[in-house]
């Protein structure tokens, strides 16, 4: 398992390649994720755990800050 951080993001080809190679678990974080942790007080451990859950359940290697916050709100509402 790995975490790939790219401040400026990545090409769509990266996401497609990761989806095709499911034996290699790699989650993605961009500059917005890092800003969320550093400036908005988002817990890094919680963010990474959500990213792992996101790739495990939805087969999506990238969970944005918006997706993370939406999942947190929906989980808190239950």
PDB file of N, CA and C in Angstrom:
ATOM      1  N   UNK A   1       0.855  -1.172   0.000  1.00  0.00           N
ATOM      2  CA  UNK A   1       0.000   0.000   0.000  1.00  0.00           C
ATOM      3  C   UNK A   1       0.894   1.225   0.000  1.00  0.00           C
ATOM      4  N   UNK A   2       0.465   2.221  -0.719  1.00  0.00           N
ATOM      5  CA  UNK A   2       1.244   3.437  -0.785  1.00  0.00           C
ATOM      6  C   UNK A   2       0.362   4.669  -0.875  1.00  0.00           C
ATOM      7  N   UNK A   3       0.948   5.795  -0.531  1.00  0.00           N
ATOM      8  CA  UNK A   3       0.278   7.086  -0.629  1.00  0.00           C
ATOM      9  C   UNK A   3       1.113   7.946  -1.573  1.00  0.00           C
ATOM     10  N   UNK A   4       0.510   8.370  -2.670  1.00  0.00           N
ATOM     11  CA  UNK A   4       1.185   9.226  -3.637  1.00  0.00           C
ATOM     12  C   UNK A   4       0.649  10.638  -3.466  1.00  0.00           C
ATOM     13  N   UNK A   5       1.545  11.570  -3.144  1.00  0.00           N
ATOM     14  CA  UNK A   5       1.153  12.962  -2.939  1.00  0.00           C
ATOM     15  C   UNK A   5       1.706  13.796  -4.088  1.00  0.00           C
ATOM     16  N   UNK A   6       0.818  14.506  -4.753  1.00  0.00           N
ATOM     17  CA  UNK A   6       1.216  15.416  -5.821  1.00  0.00           C
ATOM     18  C   UNK A   6       0.501  16.741  -5.594  1.00  0.00           C
ATOM     19  N   UNK A   7       1.248  17.755  -5.302  1.00  0.00           N
ATOM     20  CA  UNK A   7       0.664  19.057  -5.003  1.00  0.00           C
ATOM     21  C   UNK A   7      -0.173  19.557  -6.169  1.00  0.00           C
ATOM     22  N   UNK A   8       0.267  19.313  -7.387  1.00  0.00           N
ATOM     23  CA  UNK A   8      -0.427  19.817  -8.569  1.00  0.00           C
ATOM     24  C   UNK A   8      -1.348  18.795  -9.220  1.00  0.00           C
ATOM     25  N   UNK A   9      -1.576  17.681  -8.575  1.00  0.00           N
ATOM     26  CA  UNK A   9      -2.467  16.673  -9.129  1.00  0.00           C
ATOM     27  C   UNK A   9      -1.758  15.745 -10.095  1.00  0.00           C
ATOM     28  N   UNK A  10      -2.512  15.080 -10.938  1.00  0.00           N
ATOM     29  CA  UNK A  10      -1.973  14.073 -11.850  1.00  0.00           C
ATOM     30  C   UNK A  10      -2.878  13.993 -13.067  1.00  0.00           C
ATOM     31  N   UNK A  11      -2.428  13.286 -14.069  1.00  0.00           N
ATOM     32  CA  UNK A  11      -3.246  13.119 -15.264  1.00  0.00           C
ATOM     33  C   UNK A  11      -4.302  12.049 -15.020  1.00  0.00           C
ATOM     34  N   UNK A  12      -5.350  12.057 -15.811  1.00  0.00           N
ATOM     35  CA  UNK A  12      -6.396  11.053 -15.697  1.00  0.00           C
ATOM     36  C   UNK A  12      -5.825   9.655 -15.930  1.00  0.00           C
ATOM     37  N   UNK A  13      -4.757   9.567 -16.709  1.00  0.00           N
ATOM     38  CA  UNK A  13      -4.126   8.281 -16.969  1.00  0.00           C
ATOM     39  C   UNK A  13      -3.656   7.576 -15.712  1.00  0.00           C
ATOM     40  N   UNK A  14      -3.255   8.336 -14.712  1.00  0.00           N
ATOM     41  CA  UNK A  14      -2.811   7.747 -13.448  1.00  0.00           C
ATOM     42  C   UNK A  14      -3.973   7.010 -12.791  1.00  0.00           C
ATOM     43  N   UNK A  15      -5.126   7.629 -12.717  1.00  0.00           N
ATOM     44  CA  UNK A  15      -6.296   7.006 -12.088  1.00  0.00           C
ATOM     45  C   UNK A  15      -6.719   5.767 -12.881  1.00  0.00           C
ATOM     46  N   UNK A  16      -6.721   5.867 -14.199  1.00  0.00           N
ATOM     47  CA  UNK A  16      -7.084   4.725 -15.041  1.00  0.00           C
ATOM     48  C   UNK A  16      -6.123   3.565 -14.813  1.00  0.00           C
ATOM     49  N   UNK A  17      -4.836   3.842 -14.777  1.00  0.00           N
ATOM     50  CA  UNK A  17      -3.827   2.802 -14.553  1.00  0.00           C
ATOM     51  C   UNK A  17      -4.010   2.143 -13.194  1.00  0.00           C
ATOM     52  N   UNK A  18      -4.275   2.934 -12.169  1.00  0.00           N
ATOM     53  CA  UNK A  18      -4.476   2.373 -10.835  1.00  0.00           C
ATOM     54  C   UNK A  18      -5.715   1.489 -10.777  1.00  0.00           C
ATOM     55  N   UNK A  19      -6.765   1.880 -11.473  1.00  0.00           N
ATOM     56  CA  UNK A  19      -7.991   1.071 -11.502  1.00  0.00           C
ATOM     57  C   UNK A  19      -7.758  -0.257 -12.222  1.00  0.00           C
ATOM     58  N   UNK A  20      -6.903  -0.250 -13.234  1.00  0.00           N
ATOM     59  CA  UNK A  20      -6.624  -1.474 -13.988  1.00  0.00           C
ATOM     60  C   UNK A  20      -5.686  -2.416 -13.238  1.00  0.00           C
ATOM     61  N   UNK A  21      -4.836  -1.875 -12.379  1.00  0.00           N
ATOM     62  CA  UNK A  21      -3.866  -2.674 -11.611  1.00  0.00           C
ATOM     63  C   UNK A  21      -4.301  -2.769 -10.164  1.00  0.00           C
ATOM     64  N   UNK A  22      -5.363  -3.505  -9.913  1.00  0.00           N
ATOM     65  CA  UNK A  22      -5.952  -3.567  -8.575  1.00  0.00           C
ATOM     66  C   UNK A  22      -5.079  -4.293  -7.561  1.00  0.00           C
ATOM     67  N   UNK A  23      -4.059  -5.021  -8.034  1.00  0.00           N
ATOM     68  CA  UNK A  23      -3.167  -5.712  -7.105  1.00  0.00           C
ATOM     69  C   UNK A  23      -2.198  -4.743  -6.422  1.00  0.00           C
ATOM     70  N   UNK A  24      -2.118  -3.540  -6.934  1.00  0.00           N
ATOM     71  CA  UNK A  24      -1.264  -2.516  -6.323  1.00  0.00           C
ATOM     72  C   UNK A  24      -2.148  -1.440  -5.701  1.00  0.00           C
ATOM     73  N   UNK A  25      -2.215  -1.456  -4.388  1.00  0.00           N
ATOM     74  CA  UNK A  25      -3.061  -0.489  -3.699  1.00  0.00           C
ATOM     75  C   UNK A  25      -2.278   0.805  -3.488  1.00  0.00           C
ATOM     76  N   UNK A  26      -2.716   1.830  -4.157  1.00  0.00           N
ATOM     77  CA  UNK A  26      -2.097   3.144  -4.045  1.00  0.00           C
ATOM     78  C   UNK A  26      -3.209   4.166  -3.921  1.00  0.00           C
ATOM     79  N   UNK A  27      -3.114   5.010  -2.905  1.00  0.00           N
ATOM     80  CA  UNK A  27      -4.091   6.078  -2.745  1.00  0.00           C
ATOM     81  C   UNK A  27      -3.414   7.401  -3.092  1.00  0.00           C
ATOM     82  N   UNK A  28      -4.219   8.333  -3.527  1.00  0.00           N
ATOM     83  CA  UNK A  28      -3.711   9.610  -4.023  1.00  0.00           C
ATOM     84  C   UNK A  28      -4.116  10.762  -3.114  1.00  0.00           C
ATOM     85  N   UNK A  29      -3.229  11.715  -2.976  1.00  0.00           N
ATOM     86  CA  UNK A  29      -3.523  12.956  -2.251  1.00  0.00           C
ATOM     87  C   UNK A  29      -2.956  14.110  -3.072  1.00  0.00           C
ATOM     88  N   UNK A  30      -3.708  15.205  -3.103  1.00  0.00           N
ATOM     89  CA  UNK A  30      -3.234  16.379  -3.845  1.00  0.00           C
ATOM     90  C   UNK A  30      -2.987  17.543  -2.883  1.00  0.00           C
ATOM     91  N   UNK A  31      -2.639  18.678  -3.452  1.00  0.00           N
ATOM     92  CA  UNK A  31      -2.342  19.847  -2.627  1.00  0.00           C
ATOM     93  C   UNK A  31      -3.506  20.277  -1.763  1.00  0.00           C
ATOM     94  N   UNK A  32      -4.712  20.092  -2.272  1.00  0.00           N
ATOM     95  CA  UNK A  32      -5.904  20.453  -1.499  1.00  0.00           C
ATOM     96  C   UNK A  32      -6.014  19.582  -0.235  1.00  0.00           C
ATOM     97  N   UNK A  33      -5.646  18.326  -0.349  1.00  0.00           N
ATOM     98  CA  UNK A  33      -5.656  17.431   0.818  1.00  0.00           C
ATOM     99  C   UNK A  33      -4.657  17.924   1.870  1.00  0.00           C
ATOM    100  N   UNK A  34      -3.478  18.277   1.414  1.00  0.00           N
ATOM    101  CA  UNK A  34      -2.442  18.754   2.336  1.00  0.00           C
ATOM    102  C   UNK A  34      -2.866  20.068   2.991  1.00  0.00           C
ATOM    103  N   UNK A  35      -3.449  20.987   2.204  1.00  0.00           N
ATOM    104  CA  UNK A  35      -3.952  22.241   2.780  1.00  0.00           C
ATOM    105  C   UNK A  35      -5.051  21.975   3.800  1.00  0.00           C
ATOM    106  N   UNK A  36      -5.898  21.001   3.533  1.00  0.00           N
ATOM    107  CA  UNK A  36      -6.962  20.657   4.477  1.00  0.00           C
ATOM    108  C   UNK A  36      -6.401  20.238   5.822  1.00  0.00           C
ATOM    109  N   UNK A  37      -5.332  19.470   5.788  1.00  0.00           N
ATOM    110  CA  UNK A  37      -4.695  19.019   7.031  1.00  0.00           C
ATOM    111  C   UNK A  37      -3.991  20.182   7.718  1.00  0.00           C
ATOM    112  N   UNK A  38      -3.234  20.961   6.959  1.00  0.00           N
ATOM    113  CA  UNK A  38      -2.424  22.028   7.561  1.00  0.00           C
ATOM    114  C   UNK A  38      -3.223  23.274   7.937  1.00  0.00           C
ATOM    115  N   UNK A  39      -4.227  23.630   7.135  1.00  0.00           N
ATOM    116  CA  UNK A  39      -4.937  24.890   7.363  1.00  0.00           C
ATOM    117  C   UNK A  39      -6.323  24.718   7.974  1.00  0.00           C
ATOM    118  N   UNK A  40      -6.993  23.620   7.682  1.00  0.00           N
ATOM    119  CA  UNK A  40      -8.371  23.445   8.143  1.00  0.00           C
ATOM    120  C   UNK A  40      -8.487  22.500   9.320  1.00  0.00           C
ATOM    121  N   UNK A  41      -7.360  21.956   9.763  1.00  0.00           N
ATOM    122  CA  UNK A  41      -7.363  21.090  10.935  1.00  0.00           C
ATOM    123  C   UNK A  41      -7.944  19.701  10.694  1.00  0.00           C
ATOM    124  N   UNK A  42      -7.990  19.259   9.439  1.00  0.00           N
ATOM    125  CA  UNK A  42      -8.468  17.908   9.159  1.00  0.00           C
ATOM    126  C   UNK A  42      -7.429  16.928   9.677  1.00  0.00           C
ATOM    127  N   UNK A  43      -7.894  15.906  10.366  1.00  0.00           N
ATOM    128  CA  UNK A  43      -7.014  14.918  10.952  1.00  0.00           C
ATOM    129  C   UNK A  43      -6.422  14.041   9.842  1.00  0.00           C
ATOM    130  N   UNK A  44      -5.087  14.017   9.740  1.00  0.00           N
ATOM    131  CA  UNK A  44      -4.417  13.264   8.691  1.00  0.00           C
ATOM    132  C   UNK A  44      -4.734  11.779   8.766  1.00  0.00           C
ATOM    133  N   UNK A  45      -4.739  11.221   9.947  1.00  0.00           N
ATOM    134  CA  UNK A  45      -5.040   9.794  10.116  1.00  0.00           C
ATOM    135  C   UNK A  45      -6.451   9.482   9.625  1.00  0.00           C
ATOM    136  N   UNK A  46      -7.409  10.314   9.986  1.00  0.00           N
ATOM    137  CA  UNK A  46      -8.794  10.112   9.545  1.00  0.00           C
ATOM    138  C   UNK A  46      -8.908  10.238   8.027  1.00  0.00           C
ATOM    139  N   UNK A  47      -8.196  11.198   7.451  1.00  0.00           N
ATOM    140  CA  UNK A  47      -8.239  11.399   6.005  1.00  0.00           C
ATOM    141  C   UNK A  47      -7.676  10.179   5.275  1.00  0.00           C
ATOM    142  N   UNK A  48      -6.558   9.673   5.744  1.00  0.00           N
ATOM    143  CA  UNK A  48      -5.956   8.498   5.111  1.00  0.00           C
ATOM    144  C   UNK A  48      -6.858   7.280   5.270  1.00  0.00           C
ATOM    145  N   UNK A  49      -7.444   7.110   6.451  1.00  0.00           N
ATOM    146  CA  UNK A  49      -8.369   5.988   6.658  1.00  0.00           C
ATOM    147  C   UNK A  49      -9.565   6.076   5.715  1.00  0.00           C
ATOM    148  N   UNK A  50     -10.082   7.282   5.495  1.00  0.00           N
ATOM    149  CA  UNK A  50     -11.201   7.453   4.561  1.00  0.00           C
ATOM    150  C   UNK A  50     -10.758   7.154   3.136  1.00  0.00           C
ATOM    151  N   UNK A  51      -9.545   7.567   2.774  1.00  0.00           N
ATOM    152  CA  UNK A  51      -9.026   7.276   1.447  1.00  0.00           C
ATOM    153  C   UNK A  51      -8.893   5.769   1.233  1.00  0.00           C
ATOM    154  N   UNK A  52      -8.442   5.048   2.238  1.00  0.00           N
ATOM    155  CA  UNK A  52      -8.329   3.589   2.150  1.00  0.00           C
ATOM    156  C   UNK A  52      -9.710   2.968   2.012  1.00  0.00           C
ATOM    157  N   UNK A  53     -10.663   3.427   2.789  1.00  0.00           N
ATOM    158  CA  UNK A  53     -12.032   2.923   2.698  1.00  0.00           C
ATOM    159  C   UNK A  53     -12.609   3.213   1.309  1.00  0.00           C
ATOM    160  N   UNK A  54     -12.352   4.399   0.821  1.00  0.00           N
ATOM    161  CA  UNK A  54     -12.869   4.833  -0.481  1.00  0.00           C
ATOM    162  C   UNK A  54     -12.363   3.933  -1.603  1.00  0.00           C
ATOM    163  N   UNK A  55     -11.059   3.633  -1.585  1.00  0.00           N
ATOM    164  CA  UNK A  55     -10.505   2.769  -2.629  1.00  0.00           C
ATOM    165  C   UNK A  55     -10.969   1.330  -2.455  1.00  0.00           C
ATOM    166  N   UNK A  56     -11.171   0.895  -1.224  1.00  0.00           N
ATOM    167  CA  UNK A  56     -11.614  -0.476  -0.968  1.00  0.00           C
ATOM    168  C   UNK A  56     -13.064  -0.686  -1.395  1.00  0.00           C
ATOM    169  N   UNK A  57     -13.923   0.269  -1.109  1.00  0.00           N
ATOM    170  CA  UNK A  57     -15.360   0.117  -1.385  1.00  0.00           C
ATOM    171  C   UNK A  57     -15.723   0.594  -2.791  1.00  0.00           C
ATOM    172  N   UNK A  58     -15.204   1.742  -3.177  1.00  0.00           N
ATOM    173  CA  UNK A  58     -15.613   2.347  -4.445  1.00  0.00           C
ATOM    174  C   UNK A  58     -14.630   2.119  -5.585  1.00  0.00           C
ATOM    175  N   UNK A  59     -13.488   1.497  -5.285  1.00  0.00           N
ATOM    176  CA  UNK A  59     -12.434   1.258  -6.278  1.00  0.00           C
ATOM    177  C   UNK A  59     -11.944   2.560  -6.920  1.00  0.00           C
ATOM    178  N   UNK A  60     -11.977   3.635  -6.144  1.00  0.00           N
ATOM    179  CA  UNK A  60     -11.502   4.941  -6.601  1.00  0.00           C
ATOM    180  C   UNK A  60     -10.235   5.288  -5.810  1.00  0.00           C
ATOM    181  N   UNK A  61      -9.109   5.488  -6.489  1.00  0.00           N
ATOM    182  CA  UNK A  61      -7.866   5.765  -5.777  1.00  0.00           C
ATOM    183  C   UNK A  61      -7.772   7.176  -5.187  1.00  0.00           C
ATOM    184  N   UNK A  62      -8.708   8.052  -5.566  1.00  0.00           N
ATOM    185  CA  UNK A  62      -8.656   9.420  -5.047  1.00  0.00           C
ATOM    186  C   UNK A  62      -9.963   9.791  -4.376  1.00  0.00           C
ATOM    187  N   UNK A  63      -9.862  10.197  -3.140  1.00  0.00           N
ATOM    188  CA  UNK A  63     -10.977  10.734  -2.364  1.00  0.00           C
ATOM    189  C   UNK A  63     -10.619  12.188  -2.071  1.00  0.00           C
ATOM    190  N   UNK A  64     -11.357  13.111  -2.663  1.00  0.00           N
ATOM    191  CA  UNK A  64     -11.061  14.540  -2.484  1.00  0.00           C
ATOM    192  C   UNK A  64     -11.468  15.001  -1.086  1.00  0.00           C
ATOM    193  N   UNK A  65     -11.045  16.192  -0.739  1.00  0.00           N
ATOM    194  CA  UNK A  65     -11.458  16.776   0.550  1.00  0.00           C
ATOM    195  C   UNK A  65     -12.972  16.920   0.580  1.00  0.00           C
ATOM    196  N   UNK A  66     -13.580  17.305  -0.538  1.00  0.00           N
ATOM    197  CA  UNK A  66     -15.041  17.434  -0.587  1.00  0.00           C
ATOM    198  C   UNK A  66     -15.711  16.085  -0.326  1.00  0.00           C
ATOM    199  N   UNK A  67     -15.180  15.026  -0.958  1.00  0.00           N
ATOM    200  CA  UNK A  67     -15.717  13.678  -0.734  1.00  0.00           C
ATOM    201  C   UNK A  67     -15.549  13.268   0.729  1.00  0.00           C
ATOM    202  N   UNK A  68     -14.380  13.548   1.270  1.00  0.00           N
ATOM    203  CA  UNK A  68     -14.092  13.213   2.668  1.00  0.00           C
ATOM    204  C   UNK A  68     -15.080  13.910   3.602  1.00  0.00           C
ATOM    205  N   UNK A  69     -15.267  15.217   3.402  1.00  0.00           N
ATOM    206  CA  UNK A  69     -16.177  15.967   4.273  1.00  0.00           C
ATOM    207  C   UNK A  69     -17.624  15.498   4.105  1.00  0.00           C
ATOM    208  N   UNK A  70     -18.020  15.176   2.879  1.00  0.00           N
ATOM    209  CA  UNK A  70     -19.362  14.668   2.625  1.00  0.00           C
ATOM    210  C   UNK A  70     -19.580  13.327   3.346  1.00  0.00           C
ATOM    211  N   UNK A  71     -18.584  12.451   3.275  1.00  0.00           N
ATOM    212  CA  UNK A  71     -18.679  11.154   3.960  1.00  0.00           C
ATOM    213  C   UNK A  71     -18.738  11.356   5.476  1.00  0.00           C
ATOM    214  N   UNK A  72     -17.980  12.298   5.978  1.00  0.00           N
ATOM    215  CA  UNK A  72     -17.987  12.587   7.425  1.00  0.00           C
ATOM    216  C   UNK A  72     -19.341  13.095   7.864  1.00  0.00           C
ATOM    217  N   UNK A  73     -19.943  13.997   7.053  1.00  0.00           N
ATOM    218  CA  UNK A  73     -21.263  14.542   7.393  1.00  0.00           C
ATOM    219  C   UNK A  73     -22.325  13.453   7.351  1.00  0.00           C
ATOM    220  N   UNK A  74     -22.281  12.607   6.327  1.00  0.00           N
ATOM    221  CA  UNK A  74     -23.296  11.570   6.214  1.00  0.00           C
ATOM    222  C   UNK A  74     -23.118  10.525   7.314  1.00  0.00           C
ATOM    223  N   UNK A  75     -21.882  10.253   7.705  1.00  0.00           N
ATOM    224  CA  UNK A  75     -21.644   9.330   8.806  1.00  0.00           C
ATOM    225  C   UNK A  75     -22.091   9.884  10.136  1.00  0.00           C
ATOM    226  N   UNK A  76     -21.935  11.185  10.317  1.00  0.00           N
ATOM    227  CA  UNK A  76     -22.359  11.829  11.560  1.00  0.00           C
ATOM    228  C   UNK A  76     -23.867  11.919  11.657  1.00  0.00           C
ATOM    229  N   UNK A  77     -24.538  11.944  10.490  1.00  0.00           N
ATOM    230  CA  UNK A  77     -25.996  12.064  10.490  1.00  0.00           C
ATOM    231  C   UNK A  77     -26.679  10.734  10.818  1.00  0.00           C
ATOM    232  N   UNK A  78     -25.950   9.634  10.694  1.00  0.00           N
ATOM    233  CA  UNK A  78     -26.549   8.315  10.947  1.00  0.00           C
ATOM    234  C   UNK A  78     -26.659   8.002  12.407  1.00  0.00           C
TER     235      UNK A  78
END
